[in-house]
Structures are given as C-alpha cells and as structure tokens.
C-alpha cells in the first residue's frame, strides 16, 4: 500500500508497524521524494504491478488526465471522503481502521483502475465514478 503526499508519513509508519507481517506500507515520499507529480508516480507504480493507494487527494478522480492514467493502470485507490480530507490524522486513522477489513476483502475482487471512497460514517465503500 502506498500513502500519497496528502497524508502524513507518520500515518504510513504507523500502519506499516501495525501490519508488519501482512502488508508492505510506505509513504510516497519514501519512494519518490517530495513534489513528484501525480501522473509520474501513478505511471511508475502502474509499471510495478498492483499497488493499493490510500489518498486524501480527490483531484485524481476529477482531473481528466490524472483520472485517465489511474483508470488505465493496475492501481486500486481508496480516497477519504471530502468530510475527512481536512480532518485530523487521528480521525482519518479511526475511519481507516473501521473499514480496513472491507478494504482487504475488496482489493482482490476489483480490477486495476478502481477507485473507492472511505466514508465519514459507516463501513460501506462507495465506488468513485
């Protein structure tokens, strides 16, 4: 799992420690440094294989060129709902942990390029069109 620049590196480290023997979890900056464009990292990760992306950047789903690169990739994205984007990190972690099992079950069932919203309440992941 890759966390994008809109989420703190500490969140990636906490998740990596929590799931140390289950998942590889890293922050985008650890792989690409700071300031890499969305298209550049999406293209590179798509070449690597199937990555799961955790993001607070809904622009990827709205910007035509970024959305095209993402949907044509093998990436699967989980994006925090707009109500969570400016929420404190602890609130984001709380919501992520509430839906973690659902995310783990969803990943093998969908194809690359899929995007889902992590809701502010409840446990249902909504597809992002």
Protein backbone atom coordinates (compact mmCIF):
# COMPACT_ATOMS: atom_id res chain seq x y z
CA UNK A 1 0.00 0.00 0.00
CA UNK A 2 1.21 3.48 -0.88
CA UNK A 3 0.05 6.59 1.00
CA UNK A 4 0.16 9.76 -1.05
CA UNK A 5 1.61 13.14 -0.14
CA UNK A 6 -1.72 14.40 1.18
CA UNK A 7 -1.37 12.06 4.14
CA UNK A 8 1.39 12.32 6.75
CA UNK A 9 4.40 10.00 6.60
CA UNK A 10 3.74 9.14 10.25
CA UNK A 11 0.45 7.55 9.19
CA UNK A 12 2.31 5.24 6.80
CA UNK A 13 4.83 4.34 9.51
CA UNK A 14 2.06 3.56 12.00
CA UNK A 15 0.24 1.34 9.50
CA UNK A 16 3.49 -0.36 8.50
CA UNK A 17 4.22 -1.17 12.14
CA UNK A 18 0.68 -2.38 12.75
CA UNK A 19 0.66 -4.68 9.70
CA UNK A 20 4.39 -5.52 9.63
CA UNK A 21 3.98 -9.18 8.67
CA UNK A 22 0.90 -8.73 6.49
CA UNK A 23 1.40 -5.77 4.15
CA UNK A 24 4.09 -3.54 2.72
CA UNK A 25 3.00 0.02 3.53
CA UNK A 26 5.09 3.02 2.54
CA UNK A 27 4.68 6.73 2.02
CA UNK A 28 5.01 8.22 -1.45
CA UNK A 29 7.90 10.46 -0.33
CA UNK A 30 9.89 7.41 0.80
CA UNK A 31 9.84 6.10 -2.76
CA UNK A 32 9.73 9.23 -4.92
CA UNK A 33 10.87 12.10 -2.74
CA UNK A 34 8.81 15.22 -2.29
CA UNK A 35 6.99 17.06 -5.06
CA UNK A 36 6.58 14.24 -7.59
CA UNK A 37 3.59 14.76 -9.88
CA UNK A 38 0.57 12.51 -9.59
CA UNK A 39 0.95 11.34 -13.19
CA UNK A 40 4.63 10.45 -12.64
CA UNK A 41 4.07 8.32 -9.53
CA UNK A 42 0.93 6.68 -10.92
CA UNK A 43 2.75 5.75 -14.13
CA UNK A 44 5.74 4.33 -12.24
CA UNK A 45 3.63 2.31 -9.79
CA UNK A 46 1.46 1.00 -12.64
CA UNK A 47 4.62 -0.45 -14.20
CA UNK A 48 5.49 -2.13 -10.90
CA UNK A 49 2.26 -4.05 -10.63
CA UNK A 50 -0.80 -3.96 -8.46
CA UNK A 51 -0.48 -1.27 -5.79
CA UNK A 52 -3.21 -0.12 -3.45
CA UNK A 53 -3.24 3.65 -3.00
CA UNK A 54 -4.56 5.44 0.07
CA UNK A 55 -5.18 9.10 -0.60
CA UNK A 56 -6.85 12.27 0.55
CA UNK A 57 -6.47 13.79 -2.94
CA UNK A 58 -9.82 13.52 -4.72
CA UNK A 59 -8.45 15.66 -7.57
CA UNK A 60 -7.12 12.44 -9.08
CA UNK A 61 -10.72 11.36 -9.66
CA UNK A 62 -11.66 14.74 -11.15
CA UNK A 63 -8.68 15.84 -13.22
CA UNK A 64 -9.21 14.31 -16.67
CA UNK A 65 -5.59 13.37 -17.41
CA UNK A 66 -4.87 12.05 -13.90
CA UNK A 67 -8.09 10.04 -13.85
CA UNK A 68 -7.27 8.51 -17.23
CA UNK A 69 -3.79 7.45 -16.08
CA UNK A 70 -5.25 5.98 -12.89
CA UNK A 71 -8.14 4.10 -14.52
CA UNK A 72 -5.83 2.64 -17.18
CA UNK A 73 -3.41 1.41 -14.51
CA UNK A 74 -3.39 -1.61 -12.25
CA UNK A 75 -3.70 0.64 -9.21
CA UNK A 76 -6.64 0.42 -6.81
CA UNK A 77 -7.43 3.59 -4.92
CA UNK A 78 -9.15 4.33 -1.64
CA UNK A 79 -9.83 8.03 -1.12
CA UNK A 80 -11.02 9.69 2.05
CA UNK A 81 -14.44 11.31 1.70
CA UNK A 82 -14.48 15.10 1.40
CA UNK A 83 -15.70 15.31 5.01
CA UNK A 84 -12.46 13.63 6.13
CA UNK A 85 -9.94 15.39 3.93
CA UNK A 86 -9.22 18.17 6.42
CA UNK A 87 -9.92 16.04 9.48
CA UNK A 88 -7.11 15.38 11.97
CA UNK A 89 -4.89 12.38 11.29
CA UNK A 90 -6.34 10.52 14.26
CA UNK A 91 -9.86 10.80 12.78
CA UNK A 92 -8.59 9.52 9.42
CA UNK A 93 -6.90 6.58 11.16
CA UNK A 94 -10.09 5.85 13.07
CA UNK A 95 -12.13 5.73 9.85
CA UNK A 96 -9.46 3.71 8.04
CA UNK A 97 -9.38 1.10 10.80
CA UNK A 98 -13.19 0.94 10.77
CA UNK A 99 -13.14 -0.09 7.09
CA UNK A 100 -9.79 -1.92 6.93
CA UNK A 101 -11.33 -5.40 6.73
CA UNK A 102 -13.67 -4.21 3.99
CA UNK A 103 -10.72 -2.80 2.03
CA UNK A 104 -8.79 -6.06 2.38
CA UNK A 105 -11.80 -8.01 1.08
CA UNK A 106 -12.46 -5.53 -1.75
CA UNK A 107 -8.98 -5.45 -3.28
CA UNK A 108 -8.92 -8.98 -4.76
CA UNK A 109 -12.46 -8.57 -6.12
CA UNK A 110 -11.88 -5.48 -8.30
CA UNK A 111 -9.72 -4.71 -11.28
CA UNK A 112 -6.99 -2.14 -11.51
CA UNK A 113 -8.09 1.42 -12.02
CA UNK A 114 -10.90 1.13 -9.50
CA UNK A 115 -11.47 3.96 -7.02
CA UNK A 116 -13.46 3.90 -3.79
CA UNK A 117 -14.41 6.45 -1.15
CA UNK A 118 -13.70 5.84 2.51
CA UNK A 119 -16.85 7.24 4.14
CA UNK A 120 -17.03 9.69 7.01
CA UNK A 121 -19.52 7.33 8.67
CA UNK A 122 -20.46 3.70 8.19
CA UNK A 123 -18.48 0.90 6.62
CA UNK A 124 -19.66 0.87 3.01
CA UNK A 125 -17.08 1.80 0.40
CA UNK A 126 -18.65 3.73 -2.46
CA UNK A 127 -17.19 3.46 -5.98
CA UNK A 128 -15.96 6.75 -7.39
CA UNK A 129 -17.04 7.24 -10.97
